[in-house]
């Protein structure tokens, strides 16, 4: 009887020791989990503001307060034609700058930022009726037989420019207009003749 009691006592001590070890393991695991959950996680592709400087975010949210489907990315430099309306400020951008794609006021936009400074934006006008009357009048007066294929509204700090793609048969023409219908430059073909010139710039 005494040996049975000692055997049961020994088994109980082993079981208690085992439970104590398991408790420590659980505690260690919980501590590790708690520590890892407070660790700063790297940004994911789903983070619309991943690593974007706060001044750029603040500027963007102020200018486009109702923006949706926001996606920021580092700017990838491209080569611009020196005659492009936006070549000067775009040419100065580098991989430390950002561009942001978003939807605002029912249209898809791209905007560019140098740290906290808004540099410009562009949107495609799918509703050509949103062209200013002066621009529409200028197109129909000078190119009455052409069809408007695409319109991009481009803004920088100094002006708004409408880049209009026109087409008539095999003739294709791209014209930049200011808001008053003044042609800034044209490139393409008119009546089979090649055109590449700045117009009405005086």
N, C-alpha and C. Protein backbone atom coordinates (compact mmCIF):
# COMPACT_ATOMS: atom_id res chain seq x y z
N UNK A 1 0.82 -1.17 0.00
CA UNK A 1 0.00 0.00 0.00
C UNK A 1 0.86 1.24 0.00
N UNK A 2 1.90 1.21 0.85
CA UNK A 2 2.80 2.35 0.91
C UNK A 2 3.51 2.56 -0.41
N UNK A 3 3.93 1.52 -1.08
CA UNK A 3 4.61 1.65 -2.36
C UNK A 3 3.66 2.19 -3.42
N UNK A 4 2.38 1.82 -3.34
CA UNK A 4 1.38 2.34 -4.30
C UNK A 4 1.22 3.83 -4.10
N UNK A 5 1.17 4.27 -2.81
CA UNK A 5 1.04 5.69 -2.51
C UNK A 5 2.22 6.49 -3.05
N UNK A 6 3.43 5.96 -2.83
CA UNK A 6 4.63 6.65 -3.33
C UNK A 6 4.63 6.73 -4.84
N UNK A 7 4.17 5.67 -5.48
CA UNK A 7 4.11 5.66 -6.94
C UNK A 7 3.13 6.72 -7.46
N UNK A 8 1.97 6.82 -6.80
CA UNK A 8 0.98 7.82 -7.20
C UNK A 8 1.50 9.24 -6.93
N UNK A 9 2.19 9.44 -5.83
CA UNK A 9 2.75 10.74 -5.49
C UNK A 9 3.79 11.16 -6.51
N UNK A 10 4.63 10.24 -6.93
CA UNK A 10 5.65 10.53 -7.95
C UNK A 10 5.02 10.90 -9.28
N UNK A 11 3.97 10.17 -9.67
CA UNK A 11 3.29 10.46 -10.93
C UNK A 11 2.65 11.84 -10.87
N UNK A 12 2.09 12.20 -9.70
CA UNK A 12 1.47 13.52 -9.54
C UNK A 12 2.48 14.63 -9.66
N UNK A 13 3.67 14.44 -9.05
CA UNK A 13 4.73 15.46 -9.13
C UNK A 13 5.20 15.65 -10.57
N UNK A 14 5.30 14.56 -11.33
CA UNK A 14 5.71 14.65 -12.74
C UNK A 14 4.66 15.42 -13.52
N UNK A 15 3.38 15.14 -13.25
CA UNK A 15 2.29 15.83 -13.96
C UNK A 15 2.30 17.31 -13.64
N UNK A 16 2.49 17.68 -12.35
CA UNK A 16 2.56 19.10 -11.96
C UNK A 16 3.73 19.80 -12.61
N UNK A 17 4.85 19.13 -12.64
CA UNK A 17 6.04 19.70 -13.27
C UNK A 17 5.79 19.95 -14.75
N UNK A 18 5.13 19.02 -15.39
CA UNK A 18 4.80 19.14 -16.81
C UNK A 18 3.87 20.32 -17.05
N UNK A 19 2.85 20.48 -16.18
CA UNK A 19 1.92 21.60 -16.32
C UNK A 19 2.63 22.92 -16.11
N UNK A 20 3.53 22.98 -15.16
CA UNK A 20 4.28 24.21 -14.90
C UNK A 20 5.09 24.59 -16.12
N UNK A 21 5.74 23.58 -16.75
CA UNK A 21 6.53 23.87 -17.96
C UNK A 21 5.65 24.36 -19.09
N UNK A 22 4.47 23.74 -19.23
CA UNK A 22 3.54 24.16 -20.29
C UNK A 22 3.08 25.58 -20.05
N UNK A 23 2.84 25.94 -18.81
CA UNK A 23 2.43 27.30 -18.49
C UNK A 23 3.49 28.29 -18.88
N UNK A 24 4.75 27.95 -18.61
CA UNK A 24 5.84 28.84 -18.97
C UNK A 24 5.92 28.98 -20.47
N UNK A 25 5.76 27.88 -21.19
CA UNK A 25 5.82 27.92 -22.65
C UNK A 25 4.73 28.80 -23.20
N UNK A 26 3.49 28.64 -22.65
CA UNK A 26 2.38 29.47 -23.12
C UNK A 26 2.67 30.94 -22.86
N UNK A 27 3.19 31.23 -21.66
CA UNK A 27 3.50 32.61 -21.32
C UNK A 27 4.55 33.17 -22.26
N UNK A 28 5.61 32.36 -22.51
CA UNK A 28 6.65 32.81 -23.43
C UNK A 28 6.07 33.08 -24.81
N UNK A 29 5.20 32.20 -25.26
CA UNK A 29 4.58 32.37 -26.57
C UNK A 29 3.75 33.63 -26.61
N UNK A 30 2.94 33.85 -25.52
CA UNK A 30 2.11 35.04 -25.47
C UNK A 30 2.96 36.30 -25.47
N UNK A 31 4.04 36.30 -24.67
CA UNK A 31 4.92 37.46 -24.63
C UNK A 31 5.51 37.74 -26.00
N UNK A 32 5.94 36.68 -26.68
CA UNK A 32 6.53 36.84 -28.02
C UNK A 32 5.50 37.40 -28.98
N UNK A 33 4.27 36.88 -28.89
CA UNK A 33 3.21 37.35 -29.78
C UNK A 33 2.90 38.81 -29.51
N UNK A 34 2.82 39.16 -28.23
CA UNK A 34 2.52 40.55 -27.88
C UNK A 34 3.60 41.46 -28.39
N UNK A 35 4.85 41.06 -28.25
CA UNK A 35 5.96 41.88 -28.72
C UNK A 35 5.92 42.05 -30.23
N UNK A 36 5.66 40.94 -30.95
CA UNK A 36 5.68 41.02 -32.41
C UNK A 36 4.52 41.84 -32.94
N UNK A 37 3.38 41.88 -32.21
CA UNK A 37 2.25 42.65 -32.71
C UNK A 37 2.48 44.15 -32.57
N UNK A 38 3.38 44.57 -31.70
CA UNK A 38 3.65 45.99 -31.56
C UNK A 38 4.81 46.44 -32.43
N UNK A 39 5.46 45.51 -33.10
CA UNK A 39 6.56 45.85 -33.99
C UNK A 39 6.02 46.54 -35.23
N UNK A 40 6.69 47.58 -35.69
CA UNK A 40 6.26 48.28 -36.91
C UNK A 40 6.42 47.34 -38.09
N UNK A 41 5.33 47.13 -38.80
CA UNK A 41 5.33 46.23 -39.95
C UNK A 41 5.70 47.01 -41.21
N UNK A 42 6.37 46.38 -42.15
CA UNK A 42 6.68 47.08 -43.39
C UNK A 42 5.40 47.38 -44.16
N UNK A 43 5.42 48.47 -44.93
CA UNK A 43 4.25 48.85 -45.72
C UNK A 43 3.95 47.80 -46.76
N UNK A 44 2.67 47.60 -47.01
CA UNK A 44 2.27 46.64 -48.03
C UNK A 44 1.79 47.39 -49.26
N UNK A 45 1.57 46.65 -50.34
CA UNK A 45 1.07 47.27 -51.57
C UNK A 45 -0.32 47.86 -51.38
N UNK A 46 -1.04 47.42 -50.34
CA UNK A 46 -2.38 47.92 -50.10
C UNK A 46 -2.37 49.24 -49.34
N UNK A 47 -1.23 49.68 -48.86
CA UNK A 47 -1.12 50.93 -48.13
C UNK A 47 -1.00 52.08 -49.13
N UNK A 48 -2.08 52.86 -49.27
CA UNK A 48 -2.11 53.93 -50.27
C UNK A 48 -1.04 54.98 -50.03
N UNK A 49 -0.61 55.13 -48.77
CA UNK A 49 0.36 56.17 -48.44
C UNK A 49 1.74 55.61 -48.10
N UNK A 50 2.04 54.41 -48.55
CA UNK A 50 3.29 53.74 -48.19
C UNK A 50 4.49 54.65 -48.39
N UNK A 51 5.15 54.98 -47.31
CA UNK A 51 6.39 55.76 -47.26
C UNK A 51 6.33 57.13 -47.93
N UNK A 52 5.12 57.68 -48.13
CA UNK A 52 4.98 59.02 -48.73
C UNK A 52 5.25 60.06 -47.65
N UNK A 53 6.08 61.08 -47.92
CA UNK A 53 6.36 62.11 -46.91
C UNK A 53 5.07 62.80 -46.46
N UNK A 54 5.00 63.10 -45.18
CA UNK A 54 3.79 63.71 -44.61
C UNK A 54 3.41 65.01 -45.32
N UNK A 55 4.36 65.90 -45.68
CA UNK A 55 3.95 67.13 -46.37
C UNK A 55 3.21 66.87 -47.68
N UNK A 56 3.62 65.84 -48.42
CA UNK A 56 2.94 65.51 -49.68
C UNK A 56 1.54 65.00 -49.40
N UNK A 57 1.40 64.18 -48.36
CA UNK A 57 0.08 63.66 -48.00
C UNK A 57 -0.85 64.78 -47.61
N UNK A 58 -0.34 65.71 -46.79
CA UNK A 58 -1.16 66.82 -46.32
C UNK A 58 -1.58 67.70 -47.49
N UNK A 59 -0.66 68.00 -48.37
CA UNK A 59 -0.96 68.82 -49.54
C UNK A 59 -2.01 68.15 -50.42
N UNK A 60 -1.85 66.85 -50.63
CA UNK A 60 -2.79 66.10 -51.46
C UNK A 60 -4.20 66.11 -50.86
N UNK A 61 -4.29 65.82 -49.56
CA UNK A 61 -5.59 65.74 -48.90
C UNK A 61 -6.28 67.10 -48.86
N UNK A 62 -5.49 68.17 -48.83
CA UNK A 62 -6.06 69.52 -48.85
C UNK A 62 -6.60 69.87 -50.24
N UNK A 63 -5.87 69.51 -51.28
CA UNK A 63 -6.26 69.85 -52.65
C UNK A 63 -7.38 68.94 -53.17
N UNK A 64 -7.35 67.67 -52.78
CA UNK A 64 -8.33 66.69 -53.27
C UNK A 64 -8.99 65.99 -52.08
N UNK A 65 -9.82 66.70 -51.33
CA UNK A 65 -10.34 66.15 -50.07
C UNK A 65 -11.25 64.93 -50.24
N UNK A 66 -11.90 64.77 -51.36
CA UNK A 66 -12.81 63.64 -51.56
C UNK A 66 -12.22 62.56 -52.47
N UNK A 67 -10.90 62.53 -52.63
CA UNK A 67 -10.26 61.56 -53.52
C UNK A 67 -10.52 60.13 -53.05
N UNK A 68 -10.68 59.22 -54.01
CA UNK A 68 -10.84 57.81 -53.69
C UNK A 68 -9.91 56.99 -54.58
N UNK A 69 -9.80 55.69 -54.27
CA UNK A 69 -8.91 54.78 -55.03
C UNK A 69 -7.51 55.37 -55.16
N UNK A 70 -6.99 55.86 -54.06
CA UNK A 70 -5.70 56.56 -54.04
C UNK A 70 -4.54 55.55 -54.06
N UNK A 71 -3.60 55.76 -54.96
CA UNK A 71 -2.42 54.90 -55.01
C UNK A 71 -1.18 55.75 -55.31
N UNK A 72 -0.28 55.79 -54.35
CA UNK A 72 0.97 56.54 -54.49
C UNK A 72 2.07 55.62 -55.02
N UNK A 73 3.00 56.20 -55.74
CA UNK A 73 4.19 55.46 -56.16
C UNK A 73 5.32 56.43 -56.42
N UNK A 74 6.53 55.90 -56.36
CA UNK A 74 7.71 56.72 -56.67
C UNK A 74 7.66 57.11 -58.15
N UNK A 75 8.07 58.32 -58.44
CA UNK A 75 8.07 58.78 -59.82
C UNK A 75 9.21 58.11 -60.59
N UNK A 76 8.91 57.64 -61.79
CA UNK A 76 9.91 57.05 -62.68
C UNK A 76 10.19 58.04 -63.80
N UNK A 77 11.37 58.65 -63.82
CA UNK A 77 11.68 59.68 -64.83
C UNK A 77 11.57 59.16 -66.26
N UNK A 78 11.06 60.03 -67.13
CA UNK A 78 10.97 59.73 -68.55
C UNK A 78 11.55 60.92 -69.31
N UNK A 79 11.89 60.70 -70.57
CA UNK A 79 12.44 61.78 -71.38
C UNK A 79 11.31 62.55 -72.04
N UNK A 80 11.36 63.87 -71.92
CA UNK A 80 10.34 64.72 -72.51
C UNK A 80 10.90 65.54 -73.65
N UNK A 81 10.07 65.76 -74.64
CA UNK A 81 10.39 66.66 -75.75
C UNK A 81 10.47 68.07 -75.17
N UNK A 82 11.51 68.79 -75.52
CA UNK A 82 11.73 70.15 -74.98
C UNK A 82 10.58 71.09 -75.30
N UNK A 83 9.78 70.76 -76.31
CA UNK A 83 8.67 71.64 -76.69
C UNK A 83 7.39 71.32 -75.92
N UNK A 84 7.40 70.27 -75.12
CA UNK A 84 6.21 69.93 -74.35
C UNK A 84 5.90 71.05 -73.36
N UNK A 85 4.60 71.30 -73.15
CA UNK A 85 4.20 72.38 -72.26
C UNK A 85 4.70 72.18 -70.84
N UNK A 86 4.82 70.91 -70.44
CA UNK A 86 5.18 70.61 -69.06
C UNK A 86 6.62 70.13 -68.90
N UNK A 87 7.41 70.25 -69.97
CA UNK A 87 8.75 69.66 -69.94
C UNK A 87 9.64 70.24 -68.85
N UNK A 88 9.50 71.52 -68.59
CA UNK A 88 10.42 72.16 -67.64
C UNK A 88 10.30 71.57 -66.23
N UNK A 89 9.11 71.54 -65.67
CA UNK A 89 9.00 71.01 -64.31
C UNK A 89 9.07 69.49 -64.29
N UNK A 90 8.57 68.83 -65.33
CA UNK A 90 8.66 67.37 -65.36
C UNK A 90 10.11 66.91 -65.52
N UNK A 91 10.89 67.66 -66.28
CA UNK A 91 12.29 67.30 -66.50
C UNK A 91 13.10 67.38 -65.22
N UNK A 92 12.65 68.17 -64.26
CA UNK A 92 13.38 68.32 -62.99
C UNK A 92 12.99 67.28 -61.94
N UNK A 93 12.03 66.43 -62.25
CA UNK A 93 11.62 65.40 -61.29
C UNK A 93 12.57 64.22 -61.32
N UNK A 94 12.70 63.55 -60.16
CA UNK A 94 13.56 62.37 -60.10
C UNK A 94 12.91 61.32 -59.19
N UNK A 95 13.63 60.27 -58.88
CA UNK A 95 13.06 59.15 -58.13
C UNK A 95 12.80 59.46 -56.66
N UNK A 96 13.14 60.66 -56.20
CA UNK A 96 12.77 61.05 -54.83
C UNK A 96 11.37 61.67 -54.81
N UNK A 97 10.79 61.91 -56.00
CA UNK A 97 9.47 62.51 -56.11
C UNK A 97 8.40 61.43 -56.21
N UNK A 98 7.14 61.86 -56.11
CA UNK A 98 6.03 60.92 -56.10
C UNK A 98 4.96 61.31 -57.12
N UNK A 99 4.25 60.30 -57.61
CA UNK A 99 3.04 60.54 -58.37
C UNK A 99 1.93 59.75 -57.70
N UNK A 100 0.72 60.27 -57.80
CA UNK A 100 -0.42 59.63 -57.17
C UNK A 100 -1.55 59.50 -58.18
N UNK A 101 -2.10 58.30 -58.29
CA UNK A 101 -3.25 58.03 -59.14
C UNK A 101 -4.47 57.97 -58.24
N UNK A 102 -5.58 58.59 -58.67
CA UNK A 102 -6.76 58.62 -57.82
C UNK A 102 -7.98 59.01 -58.64
N UNK A 103 -9.14 58.85 -58.02
CA UNK A 103 -10.39 59.28 -58.63
C UNK A 103 -10.92 60.45 -57.83
N UNK A 104 -11.33 61.49 -58.53
CA UNK A 104 -11.84 62.68 -57.85
C UNK A 104 -12.90 63.32 -58.73
N UNK A 105 -14.01 63.66 -58.14
CA UNK A 105 -15.10 64.31 -58.87
C UNK A 105 -15.52 63.48 -60.08
N UNK A 106 -15.47 62.15 -59.93
CA UNK A 106 -15.92 61.25 -60.99
C UNK A 106 -14.94 61.03 -62.12
N UNK A 107 -13.71 61.53 -61.98
CA UNK A 107 -12.71 61.38 -63.04
C UNK A 107 -11.41 60.81 -62.48
N UNK A 108 -10.65 60.11 -63.33
CA UNK A 108 -9.35 59.56 -62.93
C UNK A 108 -8.27 60.60 -63.14
N UNK A 109 -7.44 60.78 -62.12
CA UNK A 109 -6.38 61.79 -62.14
C UNK A 109 -5.01 61.16 -61.88
N UNK A 110 -3.98 61.89 -62.30
CA UNK A 110 -2.61 61.67 -61.86
C UNK A 110 -2.10 63.02 -61.40
N UNK A 111 -1.45 63.06 -60.24
CA UNK A 111 -0.83 64.29 -59.76
C UNK A 111 0.59 63.99 -59.35
N UNK A 112 1.44 65.01 -59.39
CA UNK A 112 2.87 64.84 -59.09
C UNK A 112 3.26 65.75 -57.94
N UNK A 113 4.13 65.22 -57.06
CA UNK A 113 4.56 65.95 -55.87
C UNK A 113 6.07 65.87 -55.69
N UNK A 114 6.65 67.01 -55.33
CA UNK A 114 8.05 67.08 -54.93
C UNK A 114 8.03 67.37 -53.44
N UNK A 115 8.24 66.34 -52.62
CA UNK A 115 8.08 66.41 -51.17
C UNK A 115 6.65 66.87 -50.88
N UNK A 116 6.46 68.06 -50.33
CA UNK A 116 5.10 68.51 -50.04
C UNK A 116 4.52 69.41 -51.09
N UNK A 117 5.23 69.63 -52.16
CA UNK A 117 4.82 70.62 -53.15
C UNK A 117 4.11 69.97 -54.34
N UNK A 118 2.87 70.42 -54.58
CA UNK A 118 2.11 69.96 -55.74
C UNK A 118 2.73 70.59 -56.99
N UNK A 119 3.05 69.77 -57.98
CA UNK A 119 3.67 70.27 -59.21
C UNK A 119 2.69 70.38 -60.36
N UNK A 120 1.77 69.43 -60.44
CA UNK A 120 0.81 69.45 -61.53
C UNK A 120 -0.08 68.22 -61.50
N UNK A 121 -1.08 68.22 -62.40
CA UNK A 121 -1.98 67.07 -62.48
C UNK A 121 -2.50 66.93 -63.90
N UNK A 122 -3.05 65.76 -64.18
CA UNK A 122 -3.62 65.50 -65.50
C UNK A 122 -4.82 64.57 -65.34
N UNK A 123 -5.86 64.83 -66.15
CA UNK A 123 -7.03 63.96 -66.17
C UNK A 123 -7.57 63.86 -67.59
N UNK A 124 -8.13 62.73 -67.93
CA UNK A 124 -8.75 62.53 -69.23
C UNK A 124 -10.21 62.96 -69.15
N UNK A 125 -10.62 63.88 -70.05
CA UNK A 125 -12.00 64.31 -70.09
C UNK A 125 -12.75 63.40 -71.06
N UNK A 126 -13.49 62.46 -70.52
CA UNK A 126 -14.25 61.56 -71.39
C UNK A 126 -15.50 62.24 -71.92
N UNK A 127 -15.96 63.25 -71.19
CA UNK A 127 -17.10 64.06 -71.64
C UNK A 127 -16.56 65.33 -72.28
N UNK A 128 -16.50 65.35 -73.60
CA UNK A 128 -15.91 66.49 -74.30
C UNK A 128 -16.73 67.77 -74.14
N UNK A 129 -17.94 67.64 -73.64
CA UNK A 129 -18.76 68.81 -73.37
C UNK A 129 -18.17 69.63 -72.22
N UNK A 130 -17.25 69.02 -71.46
CA UNK A 130 -16.62 69.74 -70.35
C UNK A 130 -15.48 70.64 -70.82
N UNK A 131 -15.18 70.62 -72.12
CA UNK A 131 -14.20 71.57 -72.66
C UNK A 131 -14.75 72.98 -72.52
N UNK A 132 -13.90 73.96 -72.20
CA UNK A 132 -14.39 75.34 -72.18
C UNK A 132 -14.93 75.74 -73.55
N UNK A 133 -15.95 76.59 -73.56
CA UNK A 133 -16.57 77.02 -74.80
C UNK A 133 -15.55 77.63 -75.76
N UNK A 134 -14.60 78.40 -75.22
CA UNK A 134 -13.59 79.04 -76.07
C UNK A 134 -12.74 78.01 -76.81
N UNK A 135 -12.43 76.89 -76.14
CA UNK A 135 -11.64 75.83 -76.77
C UNK A 135 -12.47 75.12 -77.84
N UNK A 136 -13.71 74.79 -77.52
CA UNK A 136 -14.60 74.16 -78.49
C UNK A 136 -14.78 75.04 -79.73
N UNK A 137 -14.99 76.33 -79.50
CA UNK A 137 -15.17 77.27 -80.62
C UNK A 137 -13.93 77.31 -81.50
N UNK A 138 -12.75 77.34 -80.87
CA UNK A 138 -11.49 77.41 -81.64
C UNK A 138 -11.31 76.15 -82.50
N UNK A 139 -11.65 75.00 -81.95
CA UNK A 139 -11.51 73.74 -82.69
C UNK A 139 -12.46 73.73 -83.89
N UNK A 140 -13.72 74.06 -83.66
CA UNK A 140 -14.71 73.99 -84.74
C UNK A 140 -14.51 75.06 -85.81
N UNK A 141 -13.92 76.17 -85.41
CA UNK A 141 -13.65 77.23 -86.39
C UNK A 141 -12.48 76.86 -87.30
N UNK A 142 -11.42 76.33 -86.73
CA UNK A 142 -10.21 76.05 -87.53
C UNK A 142 -10.20 74.64 -88.11
N UNK A 143 -10.80 73.68 -87.41
CA UNK A 143 -10.79 72.29 -87.86
C UNK A 143 -12.22 71.73 -87.88
N UNK A 144 -13.09 72.30 -88.69
CA UNK A 144 -14.51 71.93 -88.65
C UNK A 144 -14.80 70.47 -89.04
N UNK A 145 -13.95 69.87 -89.85
CA UNK A 145 -14.20 68.50 -90.31
C UNK A 145 -13.52 67.43 -89.44
N UNK A 146 -12.86 67.86 -88.39
CA UNK A 146 -12.13 66.93 -87.53
C UNK A 146 -13.03 66.47 -86.37
N UNK A 147 -12.78 65.25 -85.92
CA UNK A 147 -13.49 64.69 -84.78
C UNK A 147 -12.56 64.70 -83.56
N UNK A 148 -13.11 65.09 -82.42
CA UNK A 148 -12.34 65.05 -81.18
C UNK A 148 -12.28 63.60 -80.71
N UNK A 149 -11.07 63.06 -80.58
CA UNK A 149 -10.88 61.67 -80.15
C UNK A 149 -10.57 61.56 -78.66
N UNK A 150 -9.69 62.44 -78.17
CA UNK A 150 -9.31 62.42 -76.75
C UNK A 150 -9.01 63.83 -76.29
N UNK A 151 -9.27 64.06 -75.00
CA UNK A 151 -8.92 65.35 -74.38
C UNK A 151 -8.30 65.08 -73.02
N UNK A 152 -7.12 65.62 -72.77
CA UNK A 152 -6.48 65.58 -71.46
C UNK A 152 -6.41 66.99 -70.91
N UNK A 153 -6.90 67.16 -69.69
CA UNK A 153 -6.80 68.45 -69.01
C UNK A 153 -5.57 68.39 -68.12
N UNK A 154 -4.64 69.30 -68.35
CA UNK A 154 -3.36 69.29 -67.63
C UNK A 154 -3.19 70.62 -66.88
N UNK A 155 -2.84 70.51 -65.61
CA UNK A 155 -2.66 71.70 -64.77
C UNK A 155 -1.27 71.72 -64.18
N UNK A 156 -0.71 72.92 -64.11
CA UNK A 156 0.45 73.14 -63.26
C UNK A 156 0.17 74.43 -62.49
N UNK A 157 1.16 74.98 -61.81
CA UNK A 157 0.93 76.16 -60.98
C UNK A 157 0.52 77.38 -61.79
N UNK A 158 0.98 77.44 -63.04
CA UNK A 158 0.79 78.65 -63.82
C UNK A 158 -0.40 78.62 -64.76
N UNK A 159 -0.86 77.44 -65.17
CA UNK A 159 -1.91 77.42 -66.19
C UNK A 159 -2.61 76.07 -66.28
N UNK A 160 -3.71 76.11 -67.04
CA UNK A 160 -4.44 74.90 -67.40
C UNK A 160 -4.34 74.76 -68.91
N UNK A 161 -3.99 73.57 -69.37
CA UNK A 161 -3.83 73.31 -70.79
C UNK A 161 -4.71 72.11 -71.17
N UNK A 162 -5.37 72.23 -72.31
CA UNK A 162 -6.17 71.13 -72.84
C UNK A 162 -5.43 70.53 -74.03
N UNK A 163 -5.04 69.27 -73.89
CA UNK A 163 -4.37 68.56 -74.98
C UNK A 163 -5.46 67.79 -75.74
N UNK A 164 -5.71 68.22 -76.98
CA UNK A 164 -6.82 67.69 -77.76
C UNK A 164 -6.29 66.89 -78.95
N UNK A 165 -6.74 65.63 -79.05
CA UNK A 165 -6.40 64.79 -80.20
C UNK A 165 -7.55 64.84 -81.19
N UNK A 166 -7.26 65.29 -82.42
CA UNK A 166 -8.26 65.40 -83.47
C UNK A 166 -7.95 64.40 -84.59
N UNK A 167 -8.99 64.02 -85.31
CA UNK A 167 -8.80 63.06 -86.39
C UNK A 167 -9.77 63.35 -87.54
N UNK A 168 -9.25 63.25 -88.77
CA UNK A 168 -10.09 63.34 -89.97
C UNK A 168 -9.49 62.38 -90.99
N UNK A 169 -10.12 61.22 -91.17
CA UNK A 169 -9.56 60.20 -92.05
C UNK A 169 -8.21 59.75 -91.54
N UNK A 170 -7.18 59.87 -92.41
CA UNK A 170 -5.83 59.47 -91.99
C UNK A 170 -5.06 60.60 -91.31
N UNK A 171 -5.65 61.79 -91.31
CA UNK A 171 -5.00 62.94 -90.64
C UNK A 171 -5.26 62.88 -89.14
N UNK A 172 -4.18 63.00 -88.37
CA UNK A 172 -4.29 63.04 -86.92
C UNK A 172 -3.51 64.25 -86.42
N UNK A 173 -4.07 64.93 -85.45
CA UNK A 173 -3.49 66.17 -84.97
C UNK A 173 -3.64 66.27 -83.46
N UNK A 174 -2.58 66.71 -82.80
CA UNK A 174 -2.61 66.95 -81.35
C UNK A 174 -2.35 68.44 -81.14
N UNK A 175 -3.29 69.10 -80.47
CA UNK A 175 -3.16 70.54 -80.23
C UNK A 175 -3.29 70.83 -78.74
N UNK A 176 -2.47 71.75 -78.26
CA UNK A 176 -2.56 72.23 -76.88
C UNK A 176 -3.23 73.61 -76.91
N UNK A 177 -4.32 73.73 -76.14
CA UNK A 177 -5.04 75.00 -76.02
C UNK A 177 -5.01 75.48 -74.58
N UNK A 178 -4.96 76.81 -74.40
CA UNK A 178 -5.16 77.33 -73.05
C UNK A 178 -6.68 77.47 -72.83
N UNK A 179 -7.07 77.93 -71.66
CA UNK A 179 -8.50 77.99 -71.33
C UNK A 179 -9.27 78.99 -72.18
N UNK A 180 -8.56 79.93 -72.81
CA UNK A 180 -9.20 80.94 -73.64
C UNK A 180 -9.28 80.54 -75.11
N UNK A 181 -8.90 79.30 -75.42
CA UNK A 181 -8.98 78.83 -76.80
C UNK A 181 -7.77 79.20 -77.63
N UNK A 182 -6.74 79.68 -76.99
CA UNK A 182 -5.51 80.05 -77.70
C UNK A 182 -4.69 78.79 -77.95
N UNK A 183 -4.31 78.57 -79.22
CA UNK A 183 -3.51 77.40 -79.56
C UNK A 183 -2.06 77.65 -79.15
N UNK A 184 -1.52 76.74 -78.34
CA UNK A 184 -0.14 76.89 -77.87
C UNK A 184 0.84 76.15 -78.76
N UNK A 185 0.40 75.00 -79.27
CA UNK A 185 1.22 74.25 -80.22
C UNK A 185 0.38 73.17 -80.87
N UNK A 186 0.84 72.75 -82.04
CA UNK A 186 0.13 71.69 -82.78
C UNK A 186 1.15 70.75 -83.38
N UNK A 187 0.78 69.48 -83.45
CA UNK A 187 1.68 68.49 -84.03
C UNK A 187 0.83 67.39 -84.68
N UNK A 188 1.18 67.03 -85.93
CA UNK A 188 0.44 65.98 -86.62
C UNK A 188 0.33 66.26 -88.11
N UNK A 189 -0.85 65.92 -88.68
CA UNK A 189 -1.09 66.12 -90.11
C UNK A 189 -2.41 66.84 -90.33
N UNK A 190 -2.37 67.84 -91.21
CA UNK A 190 -3.55 68.57 -91.63
C UNK A 190 -3.59 68.53 -93.14
N UNK A 191 -4.67 67.97 -93.69
CA UNK A 191 -4.82 67.83 -95.15
C UNK A 191 -3.60 67.17 -95.78
N UNK A 192 -3.09 66.16 -95.10
CA UNK A 192 -1.95 65.39 -95.62
C UNK A 192 -0.60 66.04 -95.41
N UNK A 193 -0.58 67.27 -94.90
CA UNK A 193 0.68 67.99 -94.68
C UNK A 193 1.11 67.88 -93.21
N UNK A 194 2.41 67.61 -93.02
CA UNK A 194 2.93 67.49 -91.66
C UNK A 194 2.97 68.86 -90.98
N UNK A 195 2.53 68.88 -89.73
CA UNK A 195 2.50 70.11 -88.95
C UNK A 195 3.23 69.87 -87.63
N UNK A 196 4.15 70.73 -87.29
CA UNK A 196 4.81 70.70 -85.99
C UNK A 196 5.26 72.12 -85.70
N UNK A 197 4.43 72.82 -84.96
CA UNK A 197 4.75 74.24 -84.73
C UNK A 197 4.04 74.76 -83.49
N UNK A 198 4.63 75.77 -82.90
CA UNK A 198 3.95 76.52 -81.86
C UNK A 198 3.12 77.56 -82.59
N UNK A 199 1.91 77.77 -82.07
CA UNK A 199 1.01 78.68 -82.74
C UNK A 199 0.48 79.73 -81.78
N UNK A 200 0.17 80.89 -82.32
CA UNK A 200 -0.47 81.96 -81.56
C UNK A 200 0.19 82.23 -80.22
N UNK A 201 1.51 82.14 -80.19
CA UNK A 201 2.19 82.30 -78.90
C UNK A 201 2.50 83.76 -78.56
N UNK A 202 2.28 84.66 -79.51
CA UNK A 202 2.57 86.07 -79.25
C UNK A 202 1.43 86.76 -78.54
